[in-house]
Protein backbone atom coordinates (compact mmCIF):
# COMPACT_ATOMS: atom_id res chain seq x y z
CA MET A 1 -19.24 -23.87 -23.78
CA LYS A 2 -17.75 -27.05 -25.26
CA ILE A 3 -14.02 -27.64 -24.74
CA ARG A 4 -12.29 -31.00 -25.13
CA GLN A 5 -11.76 -32.74 -21.80
CA ASP A 6 -8.02 -33.24 -22.34
CA ILE A 7 -7.60 -29.50 -22.93
CA VAL A 8 -9.60 -28.67 -19.80
CA SER A 9 -7.51 -31.15 -17.81
CA THR A 10 -4.26 -29.61 -19.07
CA TYR A 11 -5.35 -26.10 -18.16
CA ARG A 12 -6.57 -27.31 -14.77
CA ASP A 13 -3.12 -28.76 -14.09
CA VAL A 14 -1.43 -25.55 -15.24
CA HIS A 15 -3.75 -23.50 -13.02
CA SER A 16 -3.01 -25.72 -10.02
CA TRP A 17 0.78 -25.75 -10.34
CA VAL A 18 1.21 -22.11 -11.28
CA GLY A 19 -1.18 -21.17 -8.49
CA ILE A 20 0.75 -23.28 -5.97
CA ILE A 21 4.02 -21.56 -6.90
CA SER A 22 2.69 -18.01 -6.69
CA ALA A 23 -0.14 -18.25 -4.14
CA LEU A 24 1.83 -17.58 -0.95
CA PHE A 25 3.60 -14.56 -2.46
CA LEU A 26 0.25 -13.27 -3.68
CA PHE A 27 -1.37 -13.78 -0.29
CA VAL A 28 1.17 -11.45 1.32
CA ALA A 29 0.85 -8.93 -1.52
CA PHE A 30 -2.96 -8.84 -1.39
CA TYR A 31 -3.32 -8.84 2.40
CA ALA A 32 -0.70 -6.12 2.91
CA GLY A 33 -2.01 -4.24 -0.13
CA ALA A 34 -5.56 -4.18 1.28
CA ILE A 35 -4.22 -2.59 4.47
CA SER A 36 -2.12 -0.11 2.48
CA MET A 37 -5.22 1.36 0.88
CA PHE A 38 -5.30 3.62 3.96
CA GLU A 39 -1.54 4.01 4.40
CA GLU A 40 -1.74 7.76 5.00
CA SER A 41 -4.49 7.40 7.62
CA LEU A 42 -2.54 4.64 9.37
CA GLN A 43 0.60 6.76 9.40
CA ASN A 44 -1.29 9.67 10.96
CA TRP A 45 -2.77 7.34 13.56
CA LEU A 46 0.51 5.63 14.51
CA SER A 47 2.69 8.76 14.47
CA PRO A 48 2.86 10.79 17.70
CA PRO A 49 1.72 14.42 17.38
CA VAL A 50 4.23 17.14 16.49
CA THR A 51 5.56 18.83 19.65
CA LEU A 52 5.77 22.30 18.15
CA PRO A 53 3.85 25.55 18.57
CA ALA A 54 0.72 25.90 16.45
CA PRO A 55 1.55 26.38 12.77
CA PRO A 56 1.47 29.97 11.47
CA SER A 57 -1.19 31.01 9.01
CA LEU A 58 -0.45 30.61 5.33
CA GLU A 59 -0.08 34.41 5.09
CA GLN A 60 2.66 34.33 7.76
CA THR A 61 4.51 31.41 6.19
CA PRO A 62 7.00 33.60 4.24
CA ASP A 63 8.26 34.98 7.57
CA LEU A 64 8.71 31.43 8.86
CA LEU A 65 10.62 30.54 5.69
CA ASN A 66 12.97 33.52 6.18
CA ARG A 67 13.89 32.31 9.64
CA VAL A 68 14.23 28.69 8.50
CA PHE A 69 16.63 29.62 5.69
CA GLU A 70 18.73 31.79 8.04
CA ALA A 71 19.07 29.01 10.62
CA HIS A 72 19.08 26.04 8.22
CA PRO A 73 20.47 27.02 4.78
CA GLU A 74 20.28 23.37 3.69
CA ALA A 75 16.46 23.61 3.84
CA ARG A 76 16.53 25.51 0.51
CA GLU A 77 17.43 22.31 -1.33
CA ASN A 78 14.17 20.52 -0.73
CA TYR A 79 11.31 21.88 1.36
CA THR A 80 7.54 21.53 1.45
CA ILE A 81 4.79 23.91 2.50
CA VAL A 82 1.61 22.23 3.79
CA LEU A 83 -1.46 24.23 2.72
CA ASN A 84 -4.18 22.44 4.66
CA ASP A 85 -4.45 23.77 8.22
CA GLU A 86 -5.47 20.43 9.74
CA ALA A 87 -2.56 18.61 8.08
CA ALA A 88 -0.19 21.43 9.09
CA ALA A 89 -1.24 20.99 12.74
CA ARG A 90 -0.24 17.29 12.49
CA GLN A 91 2.95 17.61 10.42
CA GLY A 92 4.03 21.25 10.59
CA ARG A 93 3.47 24.08 8.12
CA VAL A 94 7.00 23.83 6.70
CA ARG A 95 9.14 20.72 6.53
CA TRP A 96 12.35 19.83 4.77
CA SER A 97 14.67 16.91 4.20
CA PRO A 98 17.90 16.23 2.30
CA LEU A 99 17.51 15.02 -1.24
CA GLY A 100 17.75 11.23 -1.27
CA ARG A 101 17.64 8.36 -3.67
CA PRO A 102 14.29 6.72 -4.49
CA HIS A 103 13.20 4.48 -1.59
CA ALA A 104 15.87 5.99 0.68
CA ARG A 105 14.63 6.94 4.13
CA VAL A 106 15.71 10.42 5.16
CA PRO A 107 14.89 12.43 8.30
CA VAL A 108 12.24 15.13 7.98
CA THR A 109 12.58 18.38 9.95
CA VAL A 110 9.63 20.65 10.75
CA ALA A 111 9.54 24.22 12.05
CA ALA A 112 7.19 26.75 13.64
CA LEU A 113 7.37 30.10 15.45
CA ASP A 114 6.82 30.49 19.17
CA GLU A 115 4.87 33.34 20.79
CA GLN A 116 7.92 35.61 20.62
CA GLY A 117 8.37 34.89 16.92
CA GLU A 118 11.46 32.74 17.47
CA LEU A 119 12.11 29.69 15.33
CA VAL A 120 11.38 26.29 16.87
CA SER A 121 12.32 23.19 14.91
CA GLY A 122 12.46 19.44 15.44
CA GLN A 123 12.32 16.12 13.67
CA LEU A 124 8.92 15.04 12.39
CA PRO A 125 7.99 11.89 14.32
CA LEU A 126 6.60 9.85 11.44
CA SER A 127 5.87 6.19 12.08
CA GLU A 128 7.20 3.92 9.35
CA ALA A 129 4.90 1.02 10.22
CA ALA A 130 2.38 1.79 7.46
CA ARG A 131 5.18 2.37 4.95
CA PHE A 132 6.73 -0.97 5.88
CA VAL A 133 3.42 -2.75 5.20
CA ASP A 134 3.15 -1.00 1.83
CA GLU A 135 6.67 -2.12 0.88
CA LEU A 136 5.85 -5.61 2.12
CA HIS A 137 3.00 -5.51 -0.41
CA GLN A 138 5.28 -4.24 -3.18
CA GLN A 139 7.98 -6.81 -2.49
CA VAL A 140 5.59 -9.78 -2.02
CA GLY A 141 6.92 -10.26 1.51
CA LEU A 142 10.60 -10.71 0.60
CA PRO A 143 13.21 -9.09 2.91
CA LEU A 144 15.40 -8.10 -0.05
CA PRO A 145 16.61 -4.78 -1.48
CA HIS A 146 13.91 -3.07 -3.52
CA GLU A 147 15.25 -3.75 -7.01
CA PRO A 148 15.69 -7.55 -6.84
CA ALA A 149 12.43 -7.88 -4.88
CA ARG A 150 10.65 -5.92 -7.60
CA LEU A 151 11.90 -8.31 -10.26
CA VAL A 152 10.63 -11.27 -8.24
CA MET A 153 7.32 -9.44 -7.92
CA GLY A 154 7.22 -9.10 -11.71
CA LEU A 155 7.80 -12.85 -12.14
CA VAL A 156 5.05 -13.63 -9.60
CA ALA A 157 2.71 -11.25 -11.46
CA LEU A 158 3.40 -13.10 -14.72
CA LEU A 159 2.65 -16.44 -13.05
CA TYR A 160 -0.48 -14.85 -11.59
CA SER A 161 -1.59 -13.90 -15.11
CA VAL A 162 -1.04 -17.46 -16.34
CA ALA A 163 -3.04 -18.81 -13.37
CA LEU A 164 -5.93 -16.47 -14.20
CA ILE A 165 -6.05 -17.47 -17.88
CA SER A 166 -5.77 -21.19 -17.21
CA GLY A 167 -8.32 -21.02 -14.40
CA VAL A 168 -10.89 -19.30 -16.60
CA ILE A 169 -10.45 -21.90 -19.37
CA ALA A 170 -10.69 -24.79 -16.90
CA PHE A 171 -13.85 -23.29 -15.37
CA LEU A 172 -15.67 -22.40 -18.62
CA PRO A 173 -17.23 -25.81 -19.42
CA GLY A 174 -19.09 -25.90 -16.10
CA LEU A 175 -19.78 -22.18 -15.87
CA THR A 176 -23.58 -22.28 -15.92
CA ARG A 177 -23.75 -25.35 -13.70
CA MET A 178 -21.25 -24.23 -11.04
CA LEU A 179 -21.54 -20.41 -11.03
CA PHE A 180 -23.93 -20.12 -8.10
CA ALA A 181 -23.47 -23.64 -6.72
CA VAL A 182 -22.28 -23.82 -3.11
CA ARG A 183 -22.80 -27.41 -2.01
CA ALA A 184 -23.85 -27.25 1.65
CA ASP A 185 -24.34 -31.03 1.83
CA GLY A 186 -20.90 -31.93 0.47
CA GLY A 187 -17.60 -32.41 2.27
CA ALA A 188 -15.31 -29.59 3.36
CA ARG A 189 -13.25 -29.90 0.16
CA LYS A 190 -16.31 -29.41 -2.05
CA LYS A 191 -17.43 -26.38 -0.04
CA TRP A 192 -14.01 -24.74 -0.33
CA LEU A 193 -13.92 -25.55 -4.04
CA ASP A 194 -17.30 -23.90 -4.58
CA PHE A 195 -16.30 -20.79 -2.61
CA HIS A 196 -12.98 -20.65 -4.46
CA ASN A 197 -14.70 -20.79 -7.85
CA LEU A 198 -17.43 -18.34 -6.89
CA LEU A 199 -14.99 -15.80 -5.47
CA GLY A 200 -12.62 -16.21 -8.40
CA VAL A 201 -15.28 -15.63 -11.06
CA PHE A 202 -16.93 -12.59 -9.51
CA SER A 203 -13.62 -10.89 -8.67
CA LEU A 204 -12.01 -11.77 -12.01
CA PRO A 205 -12.00 -8.20 -13.44
CA PHE A 206 -10.23 -6.96 -10.30
CA HIS A 207 -7.63 -9.73 -10.54
CA ILE A 208 -7.01 -9.03 -14.23
CA VAL A 209 -6.34 -5.38 -13.40
CA MET A 210 -4.02 -6.33 -10.52
CA ALA A 211 -2.07 -8.79 -12.66
CA LEU A 212 -1.55 -6.37 -15.55
CA THR A 213 -0.67 -3.38 -13.40
CA SER A 214 1.69 -5.43 -11.20
CA VAL A 215 3.68 -6.47 -14.27
CA ALA A 216 3.83 -2.81 -15.28
CA PHE A 217 5.06 -1.71 -11.85
CA ALA A 218 7.72 -4.43 -11.83
CA PHE A 219 9.22 -2.86 -14.94
CA HIS A 220 8.24 0.67 -14.00
CA ASP A 221 11.59 2.33 -14.76
CA GLN A 222 11.63 1.15 -18.36
CA ILE A 223 7.95 2.05 -18.84
CA PHE A 224 8.43 5.45 -17.18
CA THR A 225 11.38 6.24 -19.46
CA MET A 226 9.39 5.27 -22.54
CA GLU A 227 6.38 7.23 -21.31
CA HIS A 228 8.36 10.45 -21.08
CA PHE A 229 10.09 9.82 -24.38
CA LEU A 230 6.77 9.36 -26.19
CA LEU A 231 4.44 11.69 -24.31
CA SER A 232 6.25 14.42 -22.41
CA LYS A 233 7.17 17.54 -24.34
CA ARG A 234 8.01 19.83 -21.44
CA GLY A 235 10.42 19.60 -18.57
CA ALA A 236 9.93 20.87 -15.04
CA ALA A 237 9.71 24.62 -14.60
CA ILE A 238 12.99 25.97 -13.26
CA VAL A 239 14.12 29.47 -12.41
CA HIS A 240 17.22 31.09 -11.04
CA PRO A 241 16.22 32.33 -7.60
CA GLN A 242 19.16 34.69 -7.17
CA GLY A 243 18.14 37.65 -5.06
CA ARG A 244 19.28 41.15 -6.10
CA GLY A 245 22.57 42.12 -4.58
CA HIS A 246 23.07 38.84 -2.70
CA GLY A 247 25.51 36.03 -3.24
CA GLN A 248 23.08 33.38 -1.95
CA PRO A 249 19.61 32.64 -3.32
CA HIS A 250 16.77 34.15 -1.29
CA MET A 251 13.66 32.35 -2.50
CA GLN A 252 11.26 34.37 -0.43
CA GLN A 253 12.31 37.58 -2.28
CA VAL A 254 11.48 36.35 -5.74
CA LEU A 255 9.06 33.45 -5.44
CA LEU A 256 5.31 33.83 -5.37
CA PRO A 257 3.91 33.63 -1.79
CA PRO A 258 2.14 30.34 -0.88
CA VAL A 259 -1.30 31.99 -0.77
CA ALA A 260 -0.80 33.37 -4.26
CA VAL A 261 0.41 30.02 -5.56
CA ARG A 262 -2.67 28.29 -4.12
CA ASP A 263 -5.00 30.88 -5.67
CA ALA A 264 -3.22 30.67 -9.02
CA VAL A 265 -3.59 26.89 -9.13
CA GLN A 266 -7.27 27.00 -8.22
CA LYS A 267 -7.92 29.67 -10.86
CA GLN A 268 -6.21 27.67 -13.62
CA ALA A 269 -7.54 24.28 -12.52
CA PRO A 270 -10.96 24.73 -10.87
CA GLY A 271 -11.90 21.74 -8.73
CA PHE A 272 -8.29 20.76 -8.02
CA VAL A 273 -7.52 21.14 -4.30
CA PRO A 274 -3.80 21.84 -3.73
CA GLU A 275 -2.43 20.29 -0.55
CA THR A 276 1.35 20.76 -0.61
CA LEU A 277 3.91 22.89 -2.41
CA THR A 278 7.30 21.23 -2.82
CA TYR A 279 10.31 23.34 -3.84
CA THR A 280 13.51 21.67 -5.01
CA LEU A 281 16.79 23.54 -5.56
CA MET A 282 19.44 21.96 -7.74
CA HIS A 283 22.42 23.83 -9.21
CA GLY A 284 20.86 27.18 -8.38
CA GLN A 285 17.53 26.35 -10.04
CA VAL A 286 14.14 25.98 -8.38
CA ALA A 287 11.37 23.58 -9.40
CA LEU A 288 7.89 23.78 -7.86
CA ARG A 289 5.53 20.82 -7.76
CA VAL A 290 2.01 21.12 -6.36
CA ALA A 291 0.31 17.98 -5.04
CA GLY A 292 -3.43 17.77 -4.49
CA HIS A 293 -6.62 15.99 -5.45
CA ASP A 294 -9.72 16.37 -7.57
CA ASP A 295 -12.48 13.92 -6.68
CA ARG A 296 -13.89 14.07 -10.19
CA TYR A 297 -10.86 12.41 -11.80
CA SER A 298 -8.38 9.59 -11.34
CA LEU A 299 -5.11 10.39 -9.59
CA ARG A 300 -1.64 9.39 -10.79
CA GLY A 301 -0.38 8.68 -7.26
CA PRO A 302 -2.08 6.64 -4.52
CA THR A 303 -3.54 9.79 -2.94
CA ALA A 304 -2.59 12.77 -5.13
CA GLY A 305 -2.23 14.28 -8.57
CA PHE A 306 0.50 16.77 -9.47
CA ALA A 307 1.18 19.94 -11.41
CA THR A 308 4.46 21.69 -12.19
CA LEU A 309 4.35 25.48 -11.81
CA ASN A 310 6.57 28.43 -12.54
CA PRO A 311 7.42 29.40 -8.94
CA ILE A 312 7.60 33.12 -9.77
CA THR A 313 4.45 33.61 -11.86
CA GLY A 314 2.34 30.67 -10.61
CA HIS A 315 1.62 29.63 -14.21
CA ILE A 316 1.09 25.88 -14.76
CA VAL A 317 3.81 24.76 -17.16
CA SER A 318 3.22 20.99 -17.01
CA ALA A 319 -0.16 19.32 -16.51
CA ASP A 320 1.06 15.81 -17.39
CA TYR A 321 -0.10 14.48 -14.02
CA LEU A 322 -2.78 17.08 -13.22
CA PRO A 323 -6.24 15.44 -12.91
CA GLY A 324 -8.63 16.61 -15.61
CA HIS A 325 -5.95 18.51 -17.57
CA GLN A 326 -3.85 15.69 -19.01
CA SER A 327 -3.27 14.80 -22.62
CA THR A 328 -5.02 11.65 -23.82
CA GLY A 329 -1.87 9.55 -23.55
CA PHE A 330 -1.10 10.60 -19.98
CA ALA A 331 -4.77 10.26 -18.98
CA VAL A 332 -4.78 6.63 -20.19
CA LEU A 333 -1.63 5.87 -18.20
CA THR A 334 -3.05 7.63 -15.15
CA THR A 335 -6.16 5.46 -15.38
CA PHE A 336 -3.89 2.44 -15.45
CA PHE A 337 -2.18 3.55 -12.23
CA ALA A 338 -5.47 4.55 -10.59
CA LEU A 339 -6.97 1.12 -11.22
CA HIS A 340 -4.18 -0.40 -9.16
CA PHE A 341 -4.13 2.20 -6.39
CA GLY A 342 -7.91 2.61 -6.18
CA SER A 343 -7.27 6.36 -6.43
CA PHE A 344 -10.62 7.23 -8.00
CA GLY A 345 -14.17 7.46 -6.72
CA GLY A 346 -13.19 8.52 -3.20
CA THR A 347 -13.39 6.59 0.07
CA LEU A 348 -16.10 4.17 -1.09
CA VAL A 349 -13.85 2.77 -3.83
CA ARG A 350 -10.98 2.43 -1.35
CA TRP A 351 -13.12 0.35 0.97
CA GLY A 352 -14.18 -1.73 -2.02
CA TYR A 353 -10.51 -2.38 -2.77
CA VAL A 354 -9.96 -3.40 0.86
CA VAL A 355 -12.74 -6.00 0.57
CA LEU A 356 -11.46 -7.24 -2.81
CA GLY A 357 -7.89 -7.37 -1.52
CA LEU A 358 -8.83 -9.44 1.52
CA GLY A 359 -11.02 -11.62 -0.70
CA GLY A 360 -8.08 -12.13 -3.05
CA ALA A 361 -5.84 -13.23 -0.18
CA PHE A 362 -8.55 -15.69 0.90
CA LEU A 363 -8.80 -16.95 -2.71
CA PHE A 364 -5.09 -17.82 -2.83
CA TYR A 365 -5.20 -19.46 0.59
CA THR A 366 -8.17 -21.66 -0.33
CA GLY A 367 -6.48 -22.60 -3.60
CA ASN A 368 -3.57 -24.11 -1.71
CA ARG A 369 -5.87 -25.80 0.80
CA LEU A 370 -7.83 -27.38 -2.05
CA TRP A 371 -4.66 -28.71 -3.67
CA ILE A 372 -3.48 -30.20 -0.36
CA ALA A 373 -6.86 -31.86 0.27
CA SER A 374 -6.93 -33.33 -3.25
CA ARG A 375 -3.35 -34.54 -2.98
CA ARG A 376 -4.03 -36.23 0.36
CA ARG A 377 -7.11 -37.97 -1.02
CA ARG A 378 -5.11 -39.32 -3.97
CA GLU A 379 -2.33 -40.51 -1.68
CA ARG A 380 -4.77 -42.34 0.59
CA SER A 381 -6.44 -43.98 -2.41
CA THR A 382 -3.08 -45.51 -3.33
CA GLY A 383 -2.70 -46.98 0.14
CA LEU A 384 -0.17 -44.50 1.59
CA MET A 385 -0.48 -44.35 5.36
CA GLN A 386 1.56 -41.14 5.65
CA GLU A 387 1.35 -38.08 3.43
CA ALA A 388 4.15 -37.53 0.95
CA ARG A 389 7.00 -35.19 1.83
CA GLY A 390 5.90 -32.66 -0.79
CA THR A 391 2.37 -32.54 0.58
CA TRP A 392 3.66 -32.13 4.13
CA PHE A 393 6.02 -29.35 3.02
CA LEU A 394 3.29 -27.37 1.27
CA GLN A 395 0.93 -27.93 4.22
CA ALA A 396 3.52 -26.37 6.57
CA LEU A 397 4.12 -23.44 4.21
CA THR A 398 0.40 -22.84 3.70
CA THR A 399 -0.12 -22.76 7.45
CA GLY A 400 2.90 -20.69 8.46
CA CYS A 401 3.17 -18.12 5.66
CA PRO A 402 -0.36 -16.62 5.50
CA LEU A 403 -1.00 -16.76 9.24
CA GLY A 404 2.51 -15.52 9.97
CA CYS A 405 1.88 -12.58 7.63
CA ILE A 406 -1.40 -11.73 9.37
CA ALA A 407 0.09 -12.08 12.87
CA GLY A 408 3.24 -10.15 11.93
CA ILE A 409 1.36 -7.17 10.49
CA SER A 410 -1.05 -7.15 13.43
CA ALA A 411 1.88 -7.27 15.88
CA VAL A 412 3.44 -4.26 14.14
CA PHE A 413 0.24 -2.23 14.55
CA CYS A 414 -0.11 -3.34 18.18
CA ALA A 415 3.47 -2.34 19.01
CA ALA A 416 3.86 0.84 16.91
CA PRO A 417 1.86 3.20 19.19
CA PHE A 418 4.24 2.38 22.06
CA LEU A 419 7.49 2.69 20.06
CA SER A 420 9.63 5.80 19.72
CA TYR A 421 8.34 7.93 16.81
CA GLY A 422 5.67 5.29 16.21
CA GLY A 423 8.26 2.73 15.13
CA GLY A 424 11.24 3.13 12.80
CA TYR A 425 11.58 0.96 9.71
CA VAL A 426 14.25 -1.34 11.18
CA THR A 427 12.25 -1.87 14.38
CA VAL A 428 8.92 -2.68 12.74
CA SER A 429 10.67 -4.87 10.17
CA ALA A 430 12.31 -6.84 13.01
CA ILE A 431 8.94 -7.27 14.74
CA TYR A 432 7.23 -8.51 11.59
CA TYR A 433 9.90 -10.96 10.46
CA SER A 434 10.41 -12.32 14.00
CA ILE A 435 6.70 -13.18 14.28
CA PHE A 436 6.66 -14.47 10.72
CA ALA A 437 9.68 -16.72 11.39
CA VAL A 438 8.09 -18.15 14.55
CA PHE A 439 4.94 -19.05 12.62
CA MET A 440 6.93 -20.57 9.75
CA ILE A 441 9.12 -22.68 12.05
CA SER A 442 6.18 -23.85 14.16
CA GLY A 443 4.36 -24.87 10.98
CA PHE A 444 7.18 -27.32 10.24
CA ILE A 445 7.86 -28.70 13.73
CA MET A 446 4.28 -29.09 15.04
CA PRO A 447 1.67 -31.64 13.93
CA PRO A 448 -0.22 -30.04 11.01
CA SER A 449 -3.67 -29.98 12.59
CA PHE A 450 -2.40 -28.63 15.90
CA ALA A 451 -0.21 -26.01 14.18
CA LEU A 452 -3.12 -24.73 12.10
CA ARG A 453 -5.45 -24.56 15.10
CA LEU A 454 -2.89 -22.80 17.29
CA GLN A 455 -1.77 -20.32 14.63
CA LEU A 456 -5.32 -19.39 13.67
CA SER A 457 -6.09 -18.58 17.30
CA VAL A 458 -2.86 -16.67 18.00
CA ALA A 459 -3.10 -14.60 14.80
CA GLY A 460 -6.74 -13.87 15.62
CA PHE A 461 -6.06 -12.69 19.17
CA ILE A 462 -3.18 -10.44 18.05
CA THR A 463 -5.40 -8.89 15.38
CA LEU A 464 -8.24 -8.40 17.86
CA TYR A 465 -5.87 -6.50 20.13
CA ILE A 466 -5.10 -3.73 17.59
CA PRO A 467 -7.90 -1.28 18.60
CA PHE A 468 -7.22 -1.95 22.29
CA ALA A 469 -3.53 -1.13 21.79
CA ALA A 470 -4.53 2.15 20.14
CA ALA A 471 -6.84 2.97 23.05
CA LEU A 472 -4.14 2.16 25.63
CA ALA A 473 -1.70 4.40 23.77
CA THR A 474 -4.34 7.19 23.80
CA ARG A 475 -4.36 7.39 20.00
CA PRO A 476 -7.72 8.77 18.76
CA VAL A 477 -8.16 6.03 16.18
CA LEU A 478 -11.88 5.60 16.87
CA MET A 479 -12.57 9.33 16.52
CA SER A 480 -12.59 9.27 12.71
CA ALA A 481 -14.67 7.31 10.22
CA THR A 482 -11.57 5.77 8.62
CA GLY A 483 -10.01 4.86 11.97
CA GLY A 484 -13.25 3.34 13.19
CA GLY A 485 -13.60 1.37 9.97
CA LEU A 486 -10.05 0.03 10.20
CA SER A 487 -10.61 -0.96 13.83
CA LEU A 488 -13.83 -2.74 12.85
CA CYS A 489 -11.94 -4.61 10.11
CA ALA A 490 -9.34 -5.72 12.68
CA VAL A 491 -12.11 -6.98 14.98
CA LEU A 492 -13.89 -8.86 12.17
CA VAL A 493 -10.72 -10.49 10.81
CA GLY A 494 -9.50 -11.34 14.30
CA ALA A 495 -12.84 -12.81 15.35
CA ALA A 496 -13.03 -14.90 12.15
CA LEU A 497 -9.56 -16.33 12.78
CA VAL A 498 -10.29 -17.14 16.44
CA TYR A 499 -13.59 -18.77 15.47
CA ALA A 500 -11.85 -20.87 12.81
CA GLY A 501 -9.22 -21.96 15.32
CA LEU A 502 -11.80 -22.90 17.96
CA ARG A 503 -13.94 -24.72 15.42
CA ARG A 504 -10.98 -26.82 14.24
CA GLY A 505 -10.31 -27.59 17.89
CA ARG A 506 -13.82 -28.99 18.34
CA GLU A 507 -13.59 -31.00 15.12
CA SER A 508 -10.23 -32.58 15.96
């Protein structure tokens, strides 16, 4: 394709500068986002088991609810019944928490019955390490409140879009010549350039999807409001759960039993597998939302689709987010969400997103390295004996930020199995940002080559230690396919970092 050289040069400059500004934010977002593809599995792995009696059967759950409501009236406001027996053994059959604001962290209480039929309750020991990594991804690594961090994320996503467009235009003239060219006989800069171009071209559709959906999530509240204004015609099903002859609502007297709700959902939506029933009481009214999955369709959430039911009859009254039963408008929007979350196609697609996410992080890192190498070469050609302050500053950032992110996340996963409740949000946040700060500071105070070599090795060894930490903490991470796969990823990433550090040591 023929494009004037001055136009190509302009777009190449735009691609370089926009990429430099956004690359480090995007590295954190992509690396943490790749890990968050298995957030639920990581949470189950890092969280200690529930110390309660075995959960009652689904048929006995109404009796458990009676006792919960007698001992804990506040549980009526917001409680969840877990339908899957395996999940109930990990997290309790019934759990409840106070209603909180979005992104607020509230304690979750679980309950069971002992052998004498007495109520036993306790706090659900959920690790927040995996959730922290997911929010790190959402907030592009910034330790800010969610709302301002989300706006920064939106700005970074816009810059990301500009970098993609300008990069494609700059690459087009040499597309056929450079597409499969990896120059093994060239210098290190040429090799990195070839890998950067190759990776960028073949992962371009994925990056376009990530850029567009990230902008949408940054302005999610406005889009969500417009979505409901244009598409939603029904509100949540609500009923007055007042029991006959009682001054307080007794849900178990009027609401459909959990088994009947499950059967009603499966009858109305064959193929949809309900996993949880969540009841919310506000101003004397009950709303029931069923979460579950259907492997044949995309899911609105990262791991689940939803249906709103009448809690007395079990009739589905809103299928706006129910896989396979949505209107065209909602199905299009769900596809948009699913393309970002990878919530379609099952486990294979999730692993594909892990690979693409890690590849994206590598793409941004190599982009900065290429710019630094080119800048140094230009400076030396002008006779400068020392690199310019701007080059030195970016070199320190490009060393400290990505490797500090990797080491910080790895340190969180190494420490979480030994922390109380698998690590609270404040604790794991302190671990991550302490490691991150050490890497950032050392990147500025150490000689560049030594800092890079040392940080590659340290980040690699911390990452390699993750499966060993799980084994020492007697967590059965290797006993499942997902846990084994995540451990293998940690070993591969850690080994690659250590190898890179040792190789730089031999070359220096």
